[in-house]
Amino acid sequence: MSEQRTSSFATVNPYTGETLAEFPSIEGEEVDAALATADHAFRAWRERPIAERAAVVGRTAALMRERKEELAQLITLEMGKLISEARGEVDLAASILEYYAEHGPDFAAAEPLDVEEGEAYLLSEPLGVLLGVMPWNFPLYQVVRFAEPNLVLGNTVLVKHAGICPQSALALETLFRDAAAAQGVEDVEGVYTNLFVGHDEIARIIDSPVVRGASLTGSEGAGARVAERAGRNMKPSLLELGGSDVFIVLDGENLERTVRAAVAGRMANTGQSCVASKRFIVLADVYDDFVAGMRRAFEALRPGDPADEATTLGPLSSEQAASDLADQIRETVEQGAELVTGGHRIDRPGAFVEATVLTGVKPGMRAYAEELFGPAAVVYRVADEDEAVALANDSQYGLGGSVFCADEARGRRVAERVETGMVWVNHPTSTQPDLPFGGIKRSGYGRELSQLGMREFVNRKLVRVLPPDAELRGIAG
């Protein structure tokens, strides 16, 4: 009898704490076999017409919409997302699939260059096998954001999903295979591969000559390790890491809408989003009204079963996540911050933390520099827009941000001064398939979505054609 292998891949309902299913990890020779299969699949997948590859991705979108309720329930079960938001994630993921199915072939088309003699053009060629290390907070959206443009391009992908979302991971792999079969595309084994592997195997996978690039969405520590390993092997990498997005309020016009936007920006996914609004920077003349509005809205949220449509405050993804956030809040208050509302674990089963508003947070306090990944907002009072911009930019992160202002020209001016990869005016930081997504500083590098999403793991190969009697010129390199 073979030895029972332990695994960190398990479905644990964060609402009840019950372990519902566990899945064994693979290692060693099994990983090597998966790598070899993905490499073999790349040789055939890249030779298929791009229209055929795009059609498989498009069919995946159709199947995803057909299975919307099943997938949404699975997301809610595994990481505690409110069911209405889980359905929204399925719709968003399907729209990304549809976007690349429609536009991917055009994005990858040869690009002619203007030259005086002969012909020159750029080809967009796939690199090969890619590794994607994916997080738990958006089990579908963040995977398809990485995988689908690369599948259309002709790369093959290995997906190492988060340990708490194993059934979501398997469902995505099944979707792709079912879509290929529905399109009459045979032998796609290895084109999209889910890998249940431990952290120790990731470095070895990146080291493999089969793997040609790595993408990670997750923590700074994990991102640094992946980037270091990829760099050591001269392979491209893409990182989408933490964020501490600013939400700048420049006036009191339509303040009710601004507060609603602030609550939506902070509380989406129970605050567990890299681009959630986390630091609220408010001009002094509207500060008190804004804080009062946030407090009323947060105190009106009701915890409960995330699968219940009436619930407005779900659990965090795990007991550890809830404990970590509560510790950050407690220590920040001990350091002198004011607790306006919330700040504690909720006395009930499940990974719940009260919706929290903090003020008076200063440099040196935990909540000033650290990302609060959950239902906790920090509100700052500033005198003018220059102070607002200075405070916004005093962060190690630079993912997204938003500016609220009745004067669009003023909002645009301030937005252009904020040091992030994305800024929205009069809307919390968000995402859609045709807009590039990514950050700067310790929030990572590279861009996903839009046409740029097909420009990260690609060989932009120059082809230069000259007549046989062309003048020979000097060569430099």
Protein backbone atom coordinates (compact mmCIF):
# COMPACT_ATOMS: atom_id res chain seq x y z
CA MET A 1 0.00 0.00 0.00
CA SER A 2 1.36 3.41 -0.95
CA GLU A 3 1.91 6.05 1.72
CA GLN A 4 -0.97 8.52 2.15
CA ARG A 5 0.13 11.91 0.88
CA THR A 6 -0.88 15.00 2.83
CA SER A 7 -2.03 18.12 1.04
CA SER A 8 -2.68 21.78 1.71
CA PHE A 9 -5.51 21.78 -0.86
CA ALA A 10 -8.82 21.61 0.95
CA THR A 11 -12.29 23.12 0.81
CA VAL A 12 -12.99 24.61 4.25
CA ASN A 13 -16.25 26.52 4.52
CA PRO A 14 -15.29 29.85 6.16
CA TYR A 15 -18.87 30.34 7.36
CA THR A 16 -18.89 27.13 9.39
CA GLY A 17 -15.22 26.13 9.62
CA GLU A 18 -16.12 22.67 8.32
CA THR A 19 -13.60 20.84 6.12
CA LEU A 20 -15.62 19.49 3.20
CA ALA A 21 -13.06 17.99 0.85
CA GLU A 22 -9.30 17.45 0.56
CA PHE A 23 -7.17 16.80 -2.50
CA PRO A 24 -3.71 15.20 -2.71
CA SER A 25 -0.74 17.17 -3.96
CA ILE A 26 1.64 15.90 -6.61
CA GLU A 27 5.40 16.14 -6.57
CA GLY A 28 8.56 14.83 -8.16
CA GLU A 29 8.00 12.57 -11.14
CA GLU A 30 4.30 13.48 -11.36
CA VAL A 31 5.22 17.15 -11.75
CA ASP A 32 7.84 16.27 -14.34
CA ALA A 33 5.24 14.33 -16.29
CA ALA A 34 2.85 17.31 -16.23
CA LEU A 35 5.63 19.56 -17.51
CA ALA A 36 6.45 17.17 -20.34
CA THR A 37 2.77 16.90 -21.29
CA ALA A 38 2.35 20.69 -21.35
CA ASP A 39 5.46 21.07 -23.51
CA HIS A 40 4.26 18.41 -25.94
CA ALA A 41 0.83 20.05 -26.05
CA PHE A 42 2.41 23.42 -26.88
CA ARG A 43 3.95 22.04 -30.06
CA ALA A 44 0.51 21.11 -31.38
CA TRP A 45 -1.53 23.95 -29.82
CA ARG A 46 0.60 26.70 -31.35
CA GLU A 47 0.12 25.17 -34.82
CA ARG A 48 -3.65 25.30 -34.63
CA PRO A 49 -5.14 28.34 -36.39
CA ILE A 50 -5.59 31.20 -33.94
CA ALA A 51 -9.26 31.38 -34.89
CA GLU A 52 -9.63 27.81 -33.66
CA ARG A 53 -7.90 28.55 -30.38
CA ALA A 54 -10.08 31.63 -29.92
CA ALA A 55 -13.21 29.60 -30.63
CA VAL A 56 -12.35 27.20 -27.80
CA VAL A 57 -11.99 30.16 -25.45
CA GLY A 58 -15.31 31.53 -26.68
CA ARG A 59 -17.02 28.21 -26.06
CA THR A 60 -15.51 28.18 -22.55
CA ALA A 61 -17.32 31.47 -21.94
CA ALA A 62 -20.62 29.99 -23.10
CA LEU A 63 -20.23 26.98 -20.81
CA MET A 64 -19.26 29.25 -17.92
CA ARG A 65 -22.49 31.20 -18.35
CA GLU A 66 -24.48 27.97 -18.56
CA ARG A 67 -22.91 26.79 -15.29
CA LYS A 68 -23.09 30.19 -13.62
CA GLU A 69 -25.06 29.16 -10.53
CA GLU A 70 -22.97 26.05 -9.92
CA LEU A 71 -19.73 28.03 -10.17
CA ALA A 72 -21.02 30.89 -8.01
CA GLN A 73 -22.11 28.49 -5.28
CA LEU A 74 -18.67 26.88 -5.39
CA ILE A 75 -16.90 30.23 -5.00
CA THR A 76 -19.12 31.14 -2.04
CA LEU A 77 -18.57 27.76 -0.43
CA GLU A 78 -14.79 27.84 -0.71
CA MET A 79 -13.88 31.45 0.12
CA GLY A 80 -17.03 33.02 1.54
CA LYS A 81 -17.88 35.55 -1.16
CA LEU A 82 -21.44 36.88 -1.00
CA ILE A 83 -23.49 34.88 -3.50
CA SER A 84 -24.53 37.97 -5.48
CA GLU A 85 -20.88 38.96 -5.84
CA ALA A 86 -19.93 35.39 -6.78
CA ARG A 87 -22.42 35.50 -9.64
CA GLY A 88 -20.91 38.83 -10.66
CA GLU A 89 -17.45 37.25 -10.72
CA VAL A 90 -18.68 34.51 -13.05
CA ASP A 91 -20.12 37.14 -15.40
CA LEU A 92 -16.86 39.12 -15.32
CA ALA A 93 -14.75 36.05 -16.02
CA ALA A 94 -17.02 35.06 -18.91
CA SER A 95 -16.78 38.57 -20.37
CA ILE A 96 -12.97 38.29 -20.38
CA LEU A 97 -13.20 34.98 -22.22
CA GLU A 98 -15.56 36.53 -24.76
CA TYR A 99 -13.31 39.58 -25.17
CA TYR A 100 -10.22 37.56 -26.07
CA ALA A 101 -12.20 35.14 -28.22
CA GLU A 102 -13.38 38.12 -30.27
CA HIS A 103 -10.35 40.42 -30.25
CA GLY A 104 -7.41 38.10 -29.58
CA PRO A 105 -6.78 37.18 -33.23
CA ASP A 106 -6.58 40.87 -34.16
CA PHE A 107 -4.27 41.62 -31.24
CA ALA A 108 -1.90 38.89 -32.39
CA ALA A 109 -1.97 39.82 -36.09
CA ALA A 110 1.26 40.77 -37.83
CA GLU A 111 2.02 44.47 -37.41
CA PRO A 112 3.57 46.17 -40.46
CA LEU A 113 6.32 48.73 -39.89
CA ASP A 114 6.93 51.79 -42.01
CA VAL A 115 10.31 51.41 -43.72
CA GLU A 116 11.88 53.13 -46.71
CA GLU A 117 12.86 49.97 -48.55
CA GLY A 118 11.48 46.47 -48.68
CA GLU A 119 9.21 45.20 -45.93
CA ALA A 120 9.28 44.91 -42.15
CA TYR A 121 6.72 43.60 -39.70
CA LEU A 122 6.34 42.29 -36.17
CA LEU A 123 4.98 38.85 -35.40
CA SER A 124 3.40 37.98 -32.05
CA GLU A 125 4.55 34.44 -31.36
CA PRO A 126 3.87 32.34 -28.24
CA LEU A 127 6.75 31.50 -25.91
CA GLY A 128 5.70 28.07 -24.68
CA VAL A 129 4.61 26.71 -21.30
CA LEU A 130 3.68 29.33 -18.68
CA LEU A 131 3.18 28.94 -14.94
CA GLY A 132 0.41 30.92 -13.22
CA VAL A 133 0.36 31.07 -9.41
CA MET A 134 -3.11 32.26 -8.53
CA PRO A 135 -4.84 33.65 -5.38
CA TRP A 136 -8.02 32.68 -3.58
CA ASN A 137 -9.95 35.96 -3.51
CA PHE A 138 -11.25 35.79 -7.09
CA PRO A 139 -11.03 32.09 -7.94
CA LEU A 140 -12.29 32.48 -11.55
CA TYR A 141 -11.56 36.05 -12.59
CA GLN A 142 -7.88 36.12 -11.78
CA VAL A 143 -7.19 32.79 -13.42
CA VAL A 144 -8.88 33.64 -16.71
CA ARG A 145 -7.19 37.06 -16.69
CA PHE A 146 -3.87 35.22 -16.87
CA ALA A 147 -4.75 32.12 -18.85
CA GLU A 148 -7.09 33.10 -21.64
CA PRO A 149 -5.08 35.69 -23.61
CA ASN A 150 -2.15 33.31 -23.48
CA LEU A 151 -4.22 30.36 -24.67
CA VAL A 152 -5.47 32.40 -27.62
CA LEU A 153 -1.90 33.45 -28.37
CA GLY A 154 -0.79 29.82 -28.45
CA ASN A 155 0.95 29.36 -25.12
CA THR A 156 -0.01 26.49 -22.83
CA VAL A 157 -0.59 27.09 -19.13
CA LEU A 158 0.04 25.40 -15.82
CA VAL A 159 -2.15 26.83 -13.05
CA LYS A 160 -1.21 26.49 -9.39
CA HIS A 161 -4.33 27.71 -7.63
CA ALA A 162 -4.68 28.71 -3.98
CA GLY A 163 -4.94 25.92 -1.46
CA ILE A 164 -8.41 26.91 -0.26
CA CYS A 165 -10.01 26.81 -3.73
CA PRO A 166 -9.31 23.33 -5.08
CA GLN A 167 -12.80 22.65 -6.43
CA SER A 168 -12.88 26.01 -8.23
CA ALA A 169 -9.52 25.10 -9.75
CA LEU A 170 -10.79 21.74 -10.99
CA ALA A 171 -13.98 23.34 -12.34
CA LEU A 172 -11.96 25.71 -14.52
CA GLU A 173 -9.86 22.89 -15.94
CA THR A 174 -13.03 20.93 -16.69
CA LEU A 175 -14.60 23.96 -18.40
CA PHE A 176 -11.69 24.27 -20.81
CA ARG A 177 -11.66 20.57 -21.68
CA ASP A 178 -15.43 20.47 -22.15
CA ALA A 179 -15.26 23.55 -24.37
CA ALA A 180 -12.55 22.01 -26.54
CA ALA A 181 -14.58 18.83 -26.91
CA ALA A 182 -17.70 20.83 -27.79
CA GLN A 183 -15.71 22.60 -30.53
CA GLY A 184 -14.47 19.29 -31.88
CA VAL A 185 -10.89 20.08 -30.88
CA GLU A 186 -9.25 16.86 -29.76
CA ASP A 187 -6.09 16.05 -27.84
CA VAL A 188 -5.88 19.15 -25.62
CA GLU A 189 -4.30 17.26 -22.73
CA GLY A 190 -1.67 19.59 -21.30
CA VAL A 191 -2.96 22.81 -22.89
CA TYR A 192 -4.60 23.91 -19.62
CA THR A 193 -3.36 21.99 -16.59
CA ASN A 194 -4.37 22.44 -12.97
CA LEU A 195 -1.50 21.59 -10.62
CA PHE A 196 -2.02 20.71 -6.98
CA VAL A 197 1.57 21.35 -5.93
CA GLY A 198 3.20 22.68 -2.78
CA HIS A 199 5.31 25.81 -2.56
CA ASP A 200 8.53 23.80 -2.71
CA GLU A 201 7.66 22.57 -6.19
CA ILE A 202 7.10 26.06 -7.64
CA ALA A 203 10.80 26.95 -7.74
CA ARG A 204 11.60 23.65 -9.44
CA ILE A 205 8.85 24.23 -12.01
CA ILE A 206 10.22 27.68 -12.85
CA ASP A 207 13.71 26.19 -13.14
CA SER A 208 12.51 23.70 -15.75
CA PRO A 209 13.67 24.55 -19.29
CA VAL A 210 10.15 23.64 -20.42
CA VAL A 211 8.64 26.65 -18.62
CA ARG A 212 9.15 29.96 -20.42
CA GLY A 213 7.53 32.47 -18.05
CA ALA A 214 5.72 32.89 -14.73
CA SER A 215 2.84 35.04 -13.50
CA LEU A 216 1.80 35.48 -9.89
CA THR A 217 -1.07 37.28 -8.22
CA GLY A 218 -0.65 37.24 -4.47
CA SER A 219 1.52 38.42 -1.62
CA GLU A 220 4.69 40.48 -1.85
CA GLY A 221 6.76 37.67 -0.36
CA ALA A 222 5.52 35.10 -2.85
CA GLY A 223 5.95 37.58 -5.69
CA ALA A 224 9.54 38.30 -4.73
CA ARG A 225 10.36 34.59 -4.67
CA VAL A 226 8.80 33.96 -8.07
CA ALA A 227 10.44 37.02 -9.63
CA GLU A 228 13.84 36.08 -8.21
CA ARG A 229 13.57 32.54 -9.52
CA ALA A 230 12.38 33.65 -12.95
CA GLY A 231 15.14 36.25 -13.16
CA ARG A 232 17.77 33.69 -12.24
CA ASN A 233 16.54 31.61 -15.17
CA MET A 234 16.31 34.59 -17.58
CA LYS A 235 12.54 34.18 -17.90
CA PRO A 236 9.90 36.92 -17.99
CA SER A 237 7.54 37.32 -15.06
CA LEU A 238 4.43 39.32 -14.25
CA LEU A 239 3.42 40.24 -10.71
CA GLU A 240 0.15 41.63 -9.33
CA LEU A 241 0.68 42.01 -5.61
CA GLY A 242 -0.81 43.96 -2.72
CA GLY A 243 -2.44 47.34 -2.81
CA SER A 244 -3.51 50.11 -0.49
CA ASP A 245 -5.69 52.06 -2.87
CA VAL A 246 -6.55 55.66 -2.13
CA PHE A 247 -10.03 57.12 -2.36
CA ILE A 248 -9.62 60.91 -2.51
CA VAL A 249 -12.64 63.13 -1.79
CA LEU A 250 -12.12 66.71 -3.02
CA ASP A 251 -15.56 68.21 -2.36
CA GLY A 252 -18.96 67.57 -0.83
CA GLU A 253 -20.95 67.59 -4.05
CA ASN A 254 -23.28 64.61 -4.15
CA LEU A 255 -21.73 63.35 -0.91
CA GLU A 256 -24.36 60.64 -0.50
CA ARG A 257 -23.23 59.03 -3.75
CA THR A 258 -19.59 59.44 -2.75
CA VAL A 259 -20.20 57.62 0.53
CA ARG A 260 -22.06 54.83 -1.28
CA ALA A 261 -19.11 54.53 -3.65
CA ALA A 262 -16.71 54.47 -0.69
CA VAL A 263 -18.63 51.66 0.99
CA ALA A 264 -18.81 49.69 -2.28
CA GLY A 265 -15.12 50.25 -2.94
CA ARG A 266 -14.14 49.10 0.54
CA MET A 267 -16.62 46.29 1.15
CA ALA A 268 -16.64 44.47 -2.21
CA ASN A 269 -15.52 40.89 -1.60
CA THR A 270 -15.66 41.71 2.13
CA GLY A 271 -12.71 44.02 1.54
CA GLN A 272 -10.52 41.19 0.28
CA SER A 273 -9.37 42.73 -2.98
CA CYS A 274 -6.01 44.18 -3.97
CA VAL A 275 -7.82 47.12 -5.58
CA ALA A 276 -10.34 47.67 -2.79
CA SER A 277 -10.45 51.27 -1.57
CA LYS A 278 -8.49 51.21 1.68
CA ARG A 279 -7.18 54.71 2.43
CA PHE A 280 -9.84 57.43 2.35
CA ILE A 281 -8.30 60.89 2.04
CA VAL A 282 -10.92 63.60 2.57
CA LEU A 283 -10.72 67.38 2.49
CA ALA A 284 -11.39 68.96 5.86
CA ASP A 285 -14.65 70.72 5.01
CA VAL A 286 -16.44 67.43 4.25
CA TYR A 287 -14.45 65.10 6.51
CA ASP A 288 -16.90 64.92 9.44
CA ASP A 289 -19.92 64.28 7.21
CA PHE A 290 -18.01 61.65 5.26
CA VAL A 291 -16.89 59.76 8.38
CA ALA A 292 -20.43 59.89 9.79
CA GLY A 293 -21.81 58.49 6.54
CA MET A 294 -19.25 55.67 6.47
CA ARG A 295 -20.05 54.81 10.08
CA ARG A 296 -23.80 54.59 9.45
CA ALA A 297 -23.30 52.43 6.37
CA PHE A 298 -20.83 50.07 8.06
CA GLU A 299 -23.01 49.64 11.13
CA ALA A 300 -25.98 48.77 8.91
CA LEU A 301 -24.17 45.74 7.44
CA ARG A 302 -25.47 42.43 8.68
CA PRO A 303 -23.27 39.32 9.01
CA GLY A 304 -24.56 35.93 8.02
CA ASP A 305 -24.40 33.03 5.62
CA PRO A 306 -22.81 34.32 2.38
CA ALA A 307 -25.10 32.00 0.42
CA ASP A 308 -28.11 33.87 1.84
CA GLU A 309 -29.22 36.76 -0.38
CA ALA A 310 -30.04 38.84 2.72
CA THR A 311 -26.48 38.77 4.09
CA THR A 312 -24.50 41.98 3.57
CA LEU A 313 -21.32 41.13 5.54
CA GLY A 314 -19.78 37.78 4.77
CA PRO A 315 -16.95 35.95 6.52
CA LEU A 316 -13.33 36.40 5.56
CA SER A 317 -11.76 33.62 3.56
CA SER A 318 -10.31 31.78 6.55
CA GLU A 319 -9.91 31.84 10.30
CA GLN A 320 -6.29 32.93 9.85
CA ALA A 321 -7.32 35.87 7.67
CA ALA A 322 -9.84 37.05 10.27
CA SER A 323 -7.36 36.68 13.11
CA ASP A 324 -4.65 38.59 11.23
CA LEU A 325 -6.95 41.51 10.42
CA ALA A 326 -8.24 41.75 13.98
CA ASP A 327 -4.64 41.87 15.22
CA GLN A 328 -3.76 44.69 12.81
CA ILE A 329 -6.75 46.75 13.97
CA ARG A 330 -6.13 46.09 17.67
CA GLU A 331 -2.45 47.04 17.49
CA THR A 332 -3.21 50.18 15.47
CA VAL A 333 -5.68 51.31 18.13
CA GLU A 334 -3.15 50.53 20.85
CA GLN A 335 -0.71 52.75 18.95
CA GLY A 336 -3.11 55.70 19.27
CA ALA A 337 -5.61 55.52 16.39
CA GLU A 338 -9.31 56.19 17.01
CA LEU A 339 -11.77 53.35 16.51
CA VAL A 340 -14.89 54.99 15.05
CA THR A 341 -16.81 51.73 14.72
CA GLY A 342 -16.19 47.99 14.60
CA GLY A 343 -12.72 46.62 15.20
CA HIS A 344 -13.48 43.23 16.74
CA ARG A 345 -14.22 39.64 15.88
CA ILE A 346 -17.96 38.95 15.75
CA ASP A 347 -19.14 36.60 18.47
CA ARG A 348 -20.47 33.86 16.25
CA PRO A 349 -19.08 30.86 14.37
CA GLY A 350 -17.16 31.66 11.21
CA ALA A 351 -14.30 33.92 10.12
CA PHE A 352 -16.13 37.21 10.81
CA VAL A 353 -14.70 40.65 11.63
CA GLU A 354 -16.83 43.74 12.24
CA ALA A 355 -16.86 46.40 9.53
CA THR A 356 -14.35 48.90 10.89
CA VAL A 357 -13.56 52.61 10.47
CA LEU A 358 -10.27 53.97 11.83
CA THR A 359 -9.18 57.61 12.03
CA GLY A 360 -6.13 59.35 13.46
CA VAL A 361 -3.78 56.84 11.86
CA LYS A 362 -0.21 58.18 11.65
CA PRO A 363 3.15 57.02 10.29
CA GLY A 364 4.55 54.23 12.41
CA MET A 365 1.17 52.64 13.09
CA ARG A 366 0.47 49.28 11.49
CA ALA A 367 -2.55 50.48 9.50
CA TYR A 368 -0.56 53.35 7.99
CA ALA A 369 1.88 51.19 6.02
CA GLU A 370 0.28 47.74 5.90
CA GLU A 371 -2.48 46.53 3.61
CA LEU A 372 -5.71 45.81 5.50
CA PHE A 373 -7.19 42.86 3.63
CA GLY A 374 -10.75 42.86 4.92
CA PRO A 375 -13.62 45.12 6.05
CA ALA A 376 -11.53 47.92 7.57
CA ALA A 377 -11.22 51.51 6.30
CA VAL A 378 -8.74 54.21 7.32
CA VAL A 379 -9.95 57.82 6.90
CA TYR A 380 -7.56 60.78 6.80
CA ARG A 381 -8.31 64.53 7.02
CA VAL A 382 -6.30 66.83 4.71
CA ALA A 383 -6.31 70.59 4.09
CA ASP A 384 -6.05 70.69 0.30
CA GLU A 385 -5.40 68.66 -2.81
CA ASP A 386 -1.62 69.01 -2.54
CA GLU A 387 -1.70 67.40 0.90
CA ALA A 388 -4.08 64.76 -0.44
CA VAL A 389 -1.69 63.83 -3.26
CA ALA A 390 1.34 63.80 -0.94
CA LEU A 391 -0.45 61.44 1.47
CA ALA A 392 -1.72 59.27 -1.37
CA ASN A 393 1.82 58.83 -2.70
CA ASP A 394 3.32 58.11 0.73
CA SER A 395 2.85 54.39 0.26
CA GLN A 396 4.95 51.42 -0.76
CA TYR A 397 2.04 50.32 -2.94
CA GLY A 398 0.90 51.65 -6.29
CA LEU A 399 -1.89 49.52 -7.72
CA GLY A 400 -5.06 51.57 -8.13
CA GLY A 401 -6.87 54.59 -6.76
CA SER A 402 -9.81 56.89 -7.25
CA VAL A 403 -10.62 60.59 -7.07
CA PHE A 404 -14.10 62.00 -6.41
CA CYS A 405 -14.81 65.54 -7.52
CA ALA A 406 -17.65 67.43 -9.21
CA ASP A 407 -15.14 69.29 -11.40
CA GLU A 408 -13.93 66.63 -13.83
CA ALA A 409 -10.95 68.73 -14.92
CA ARG A 410 -9.81 69.01 -11.31
CA GLY A 411 -10.38 65.30 -10.78
CA ARG A 412 -8.33 64.50 -13.87
CA ARG A 413 -5.52 66.80 -12.71
CA VAL A 414 -5.30 65.14 -9.31
CA ALA A 415 -5.60 61.65 -10.79
CA GLU A 416 -2.60 62.30 -13.02
CA ARG A 417 -0.50 63.15 -9.94
CA VAL A 418 -1.30 59.92 -8.07
CA GLU A 419 1.51 57.35 -8.33
CA THR A 420 -0.34 54.16 -9.27
CA GLY A 421 -0.87 51.93 -12.27
CA MET A 422 -4.57 52.84 -12.47
CA VAL A 423 -6.72 55.76 -11.33
CA TRP A 424 -10.48 56.15 -11.74
CA VAL A 425 -12.30 59.47 -11.40
CA ASN A 426 -15.74 59.40 -9.72
CA HIS A 427 -15.72 55.60 -9.43
CA PRO A 428 -13.84 53.18 -7.17
CA THR A 429 -10.99 51.29 -8.80
CA SER A 430 -12.53 48.57 -10.92
CA THR A 431 -11.77 46.26 -13.82
CA GLN A 432 -13.12 45.38 -17.23
CA PRO A 433 -11.73 43.29 -20.09
CA ASP A 434 -10.75 46.18 -22.38
CA LEU A 435 -8.82 48.19 -19.76
CA PRO A 436 -5.22 47.35 -18.73
CA PHE A 437 -4.76 46.19 -15.15
CA GLY A 438 -1.54 46.41 -13.11
CA GLY A 439 0.55 48.44 -10.72
CA ILE A 440 3.91 49.94 -9.82
CA LYS A 441 6.19 49.99 -6.77
CA ARG A 442 5.58 47.01 -4.45
CA SER A 443 2.26 46.32 -6.15
CA GLY A 444 4.13 44.57 -8.94
CA TYR A 445 4.77 45.06 -12.62
CA GLY A 446 3.34 44.12 -16.00
CA ARG A 447 -0.17 44.55 -17.34
CA GLU A 448 -3.07 42.16 -17.82
CA LEU A 449 -6.33 42.57 -19.74
CA SER A 450 -6.85 44.72 -22.87
CA GLN A 451 -4.43 44.33 -25.76
CA LEU A 452 -1.56 44.61 -23.26
CA GLY A 453 -2.62 41.29 -21.76
CA MET A 454 -1.29 39.59 -24.90
CA ARG A 455 2.02 41.47 -24.80
CA GLU A 456 3.61 40.00 -21.66
CA PHE A 457 4.48 36.43 -22.66
CA VAL A 458 5.05 36.85 -26.37
CA ASN A 459 7.93 36.96 -28.80
CA ARG A 460 7.53 40.24 -30.70
CA LYS A 461 9.65 39.00 -33.56
CA LEU A 462 10.87 41.34 -36.27
CA VAL A 463 10.85 40.08 -39.84
CA ARG A 464 12.76 42.31 -42.28
CA VAL A 465 12.61 41.57 -46.01
CA LEU A 466 14.89 43.33 -48.50
CA PRO A 467 15.38 42.78 -52.23
CA PRO A 468 18.37 40.59 -53.19
CA ASP A 469 20.23 43.57 -54.59
CA ALA A 470 19.75 45.83 -51.57
CA GLU A 471 22.74 47.83 -50.41
CA LEU A 472 24.64 46.15 -47.57
CA ARG A 473 24.95 48.42 -44.54
CA GLY A 474 26.94 48.36 -41.35
CA ILE A 475 25.89 45.89 -38.69
CA ALA A 476 25.66 46.81 -35.00
CA GLY A 477 24.67 44.74 -32.03
